[in-house]
């Protein structure tokens, strides 16, 4: 079961990264703004938070054991 969750998280991060660079991060895209902060900054911050959260979940669902673990 953990392997399926792991593969789902890996796919999610890959799709999030590709989608962010192809669709969200566009050159000279400043509008809309949120509290005076340009579009690229707050979408980049959101994508970073999602990748960090997925990394945290990935550490919980990692399917392999360390062979040197006592």
N, C-alpha and C. Protein backbone atom coordinates (compact mmCIF):
# COMPACT_ATOMS: atom_id res chain seq x y z
N UNK A 1 0.82 -1.20 0.00
CA UNK A 1 0.00 0.00 0.00
C UNK A 1 0.87 1.26 0.00
N UNK A 2 1.98 1.23 0.73
CA UNK A 2 2.83 2.42 0.79
C UNK A 2 3.48 2.70 -0.56
N UNK A 3 3.73 1.66 -1.33
CA UNK A 3 4.35 1.86 -2.63
C UNK A 3 3.41 2.64 -3.56
N UNK A 4 2.11 2.35 -3.48
CA UNK A 4 1.14 3.07 -4.31
C UNK A 4 1.07 4.54 -3.90
N UNK A 5 1.09 4.81 -2.60
CA UNK A 5 1.08 6.18 -2.12
C UNK A 5 2.35 6.91 -2.52
N UNK A 6 3.47 6.21 -2.46
CA UNK A 6 4.76 6.79 -2.85
C UNK A 6 4.74 7.18 -4.33
N UNK A 7 4.28 6.27 -5.18
CA UNK A 7 4.23 6.54 -6.62
C UNK A 7 3.27 7.68 -6.93
N UNK A 8 2.18 7.78 -6.21
CA UNK A 8 1.23 8.87 -6.39
C UNK A 8 1.86 10.21 -6.02
N UNK A 9 2.60 10.24 -4.91
CA UNK A 9 3.28 11.47 -4.51
C UNK A 9 4.35 11.89 -5.51
N UNK A 10 5.11 10.93 -6.01
CA UNK A 10 6.14 11.24 -7.02
C UNK A 10 5.48 11.81 -8.27
N UNK A 11 4.40 11.20 -8.72
CA UNK A 11 3.69 11.70 -9.89
C UNK A 11 3.13 13.10 -9.65
N UNK A 12 2.60 13.33 -8.45
CA UNK A 12 2.05 14.64 -8.10
C UNK A 12 3.13 15.73 -8.17
N UNK A 13 4.30 15.44 -7.61
CA UNK A 13 5.38 16.43 -7.62
C UNK A 13 5.88 16.68 -9.04
N UNK A 14 5.99 15.65 -9.83
CA UNK A 14 6.43 15.82 -11.22
C UNK A 14 5.43 16.66 -12.00
N UNK A 15 4.14 16.35 -11.87
CA UNK A 15 3.10 17.13 -12.56
C UNK A 15 3.04 18.56 -12.06
N UNK A 16 3.21 18.75 -10.77
CA UNK A 16 3.20 20.10 -10.20
C UNK A 16 4.37 20.93 -10.73
N UNK A 17 5.53 20.32 -10.80
CA UNK A 17 6.72 21.03 -11.30
C UNK A 17 6.57 21.38 -12.78
N UNK A 18 6.17 20.40 -13.58
CA UNK A 18 6.01 20.65 -15.02
C UNK A 18 4.90 21.67 -15.26
N UNK A 19 3.79 21.51 -14.56
CA UNK A 19 2.68 22.45 -14.73
C UNK A 19 3.04 23.86 -14.32
N UNK A 20 3.81 23.98 -13.25
CA UNK A 20 4.20 25.31 -12.79
C UNK A 20 5.08 26.01 -13.81
N UNK A 21 6.05 25.29 -14.37
CA UNK A 21 6.96 25.94 -15.31
C UNK A 21 6.34 26.15 -16.69
N UNK A 22 5.40 25.31 -17.08
CA UNK A 22 4.78 25.49 -18.39
C UNK A 22 3.60 26.45 -18.36
N UNK A 23 2.82 26.46 -17.27
CA UNK A 23 1.59 27.22 -17.25
C UNK A 23 1.61 28.44 -16.33
N UNK A 24 2.21 28.31 -15.16
CA UNK A 24 2.12 29.38 -14.17
C UNK A 24 3.20 30.43 -14.30
N UNK A 25 4.44 29.99 -14.47
CA UNK A 25 5.56 30.93 -14.50
C UNK A 25 5.78 31.43 -15.91
N UNK A 26 5.12 32.50 -16.24
CA UNK A 26 5.25 33.09 -17.58
C UNK A 26 6.04 34.40 -17.50
N UNK A 27 6.81 34.65 -18.51
CA UNK A 27 7.63 35.85 -18.55
C UNK A 27 6.75 37.10 -18.63
N UNK A 28 7.11 38.10 -17.86
CA UNK A 28 6.40 39.39 -17.81
C UNK A 28 4.95 39.27 -17.37
N UNK A 29 4.63 38.26 -16.57
CA UNK A 29 3.27 38.09 -16.05
C UNK A 29 3.23 38.66 -14.64
N UNK A 30 2.80 39.89 -14.51
CA UNK A 30 2.76 40.54 -13.21
C UNK A 30 1.35 40.62 -12.65
N UNK A 31 0.36 40.60 -13.51
CA UNK A 31 -1.03 40.67 -13.06
C UNK A 31 -1.62 39.27 -13.00
N UNK A 32 -2.44 38.92 -12.11
CA UNK A 32 -2.97 39.73 -11.01
C UNK A 32 -1.96 39.85 -9.88
N UNK A 33 -2.20 40.78 -9.01
CA UNK A 33 -1.37 40.92 -7.83
C UNK A 33 -2.20 40.62 -6.60
N UNK A 34 -1.55 40.20 -5.55
CA UNK A 34 -2.20 39.91 -4.29
C UNK A 34 -1.47 40.71 -3.22
N UNK A 35 -2.11 41.73 -2.68
CA UNK A 35 -1.52 42.63 -1.69
C UNK A 35 -0.24 43.28 -2.23
N UNK A 36 -0.24 43.61 -3.51
CA UNK A 36 0.90 44.27 -4.12
C UNK A 36 2.03 43.33 -4.51
N UNK A 37 1.83 42.03 -4.34
CA UNK A 37 2.85 41.03 -4.68
C UNK A 37 2.51 40.44 -6.05
N UNK A 38 3.47 40.41 -6.98
CA UNK A 38 3.19 39.92 -8.33
C UNK A 38 2.79 38.44 -8.37
N UNK A 39 2.12 38.09 -9.45
CA UNK A 39 1.61 36.74 -9.70
C UNK A 39 2.69 35.67 -9.56
N UNK A 40 3.85 35.90 -10.16
CA UNK A 40 4.91 34.89 -10.16
C UNK A 40 5.38 34.58 -8.74
N UNK A 41 5.47 35.59 -7.89
CA UNK A 41 5.95 35.35 -6.54
C UNK A 41 4.97 34.52 -5.73
N UNK A 42 3.70 34.90 -5.70
CA UNK A 42 2.79 34.14 -4.84
C UNK A 42 2.44 32.78 -5.39
N UNK A 43 2.45 32.59 -6.71
CA UNK A 43 2.25 31.24 -7.23
C UNK A 43 3.49 30.38 -6.97
N UNK A 44 4.67 30.97 -7.08
CA UNK A 44 5.89 30.24 -6.76
C UNK A 44 5.94 29.83 -5.30
N UNK A 45 5.49 30.72 -4.42
CA UNK A 45 5.44 30.41 -3.00
C UNK A 45 4.45 29.27 -2.73
N UNK A 46 3.30 29.29 -3.38
CA UNK A 46 2.31 28.23 -3.21
C UNK A 46 2.84 26.88 -3.72
N UNK A 47 3.47 26.89 -4.89
CA UNK A 47 4.04 25.66 -5.44
C UNK A 47 5.13 25.12 -4.52
N UNK A 48 5.96 25.99 -3.98
CA UNK A 48 7.01 25.57 -3.06
C UNK A 48 6.42 24.94 -1.80
N UNK A 49 5.38 25.55 -1.25
CA UNK A 49 4.72 24.98 -0.06
C UNK A 49 4.14 23.60 -0.36
N UNK A 50 3.53 23.43 -1.52
CA UNK A 50 2.97 22.13 -1.89
C UNK A 50 4.05 21.07 -2.07
N UNK A 51 5.17 21.45 -2.67
CA UNK A 51 6.27 20.48 -2.85
C UNK A 51 6.89 20.11 -1.51
N UNK A 52 7.03 21.07 -0.60
CA UNK A 52 7.56 20.76 0.73
C UNK A 52 6.62 19.84 1.48
N UNK A 53 5.32 20.08 1.40
CA UNK A 53 4.34 19.21 2.06
C UNK A 53 4.37 17.81 1.44
N UNK A 54 4.49 17.71 0.12
CA UNK A 54 4.58 16.40 -0.54
C UNK A 54 5.87 15.68 -0.13
N UNK A 55 6.95 16.43 0.07
CA UNK A 55 8.20 15.82 0.54
C UNK A 55 8.04 15.28 1.95
N UNK A 56 7.35 16.01 2.80
CA UNK A 56 7.07 15.53 4.15
C UNK A 56 6.26 14.23 4.10
N UNK A 57 5.22 14.22 3.29
CA UNK A 57 4.42 13.00 3.16
C UNK A 57 5.24 11.86 2.56
N UNK A 58 6.11 12.19 1.61
CA UNK A 58 6.97 11.18 1.00
C UNK A 58 7.92 10.55 2.00
N UNK A 59 8.35 11.32 3.00
CA UNK A 59 9.22 10.74 4.03
C UNK A 59 8.46 9.75 4.89
N UNK A 60 7.16 9.92 5.00
CA UNK A 60 6.33 8.98 5.79
C UNK A 60 5.99 7.72 5.00
N UNK A 61 5.85 7.85 3.67
CA UNK A 61 5.41 6.73 2.84
C UNK A 61 6.53 6.08 2.04
N UNK A 62 7.79 6.44 2.31
CA UNK A 62 8.91 5.87 1.56
C UNK A 62 8.91 4.36 1.71
N UNK A 63 8.85 3.60 0.61
CA UNK A 63 8.62 2.15 0.70
C UNK A 63 9.84 1.29 1.01
N UNK A 64 11.02 1.85 1.06
CA UNK A 64 12.22 1.04 1.23
C UNK A 64 12.81 1.25 2.62
N UNK A 65 13.44 0.21 3.14
CA UNK A 65 14.08 0.26 4.45
C UNK A 65 15.58 0.45 4.28
N UNK A 66 16.20 1.09 5.27
CA UNK A 66 17.65 1.27 5.28
C UNK A 66 18.29 -0.03 5.72
N UNK A 67 19.17 -0.65 4.90
CA UNK A 67 19.77 -1.93 5.28
C UNK A 67 20.72 -1.82 6.47
N UNK A 68 21.24 -0.63 6.76
CA UNK A 68 22.18 -0.45 7.87
C UNK A 68 21.48 -0.11 9.18
N UNK A 69 20.17 -0.04 9.15
CA UNK A 69 19.41 0.32 10.33
C UNK A 69 19.48 -0.80 11.36
N UNK A 70 19.86 -0.47 12.63
CA UNK A 70 20.02 -1.54 13.64
C UNK A 70 18.72 -2.14 14.08
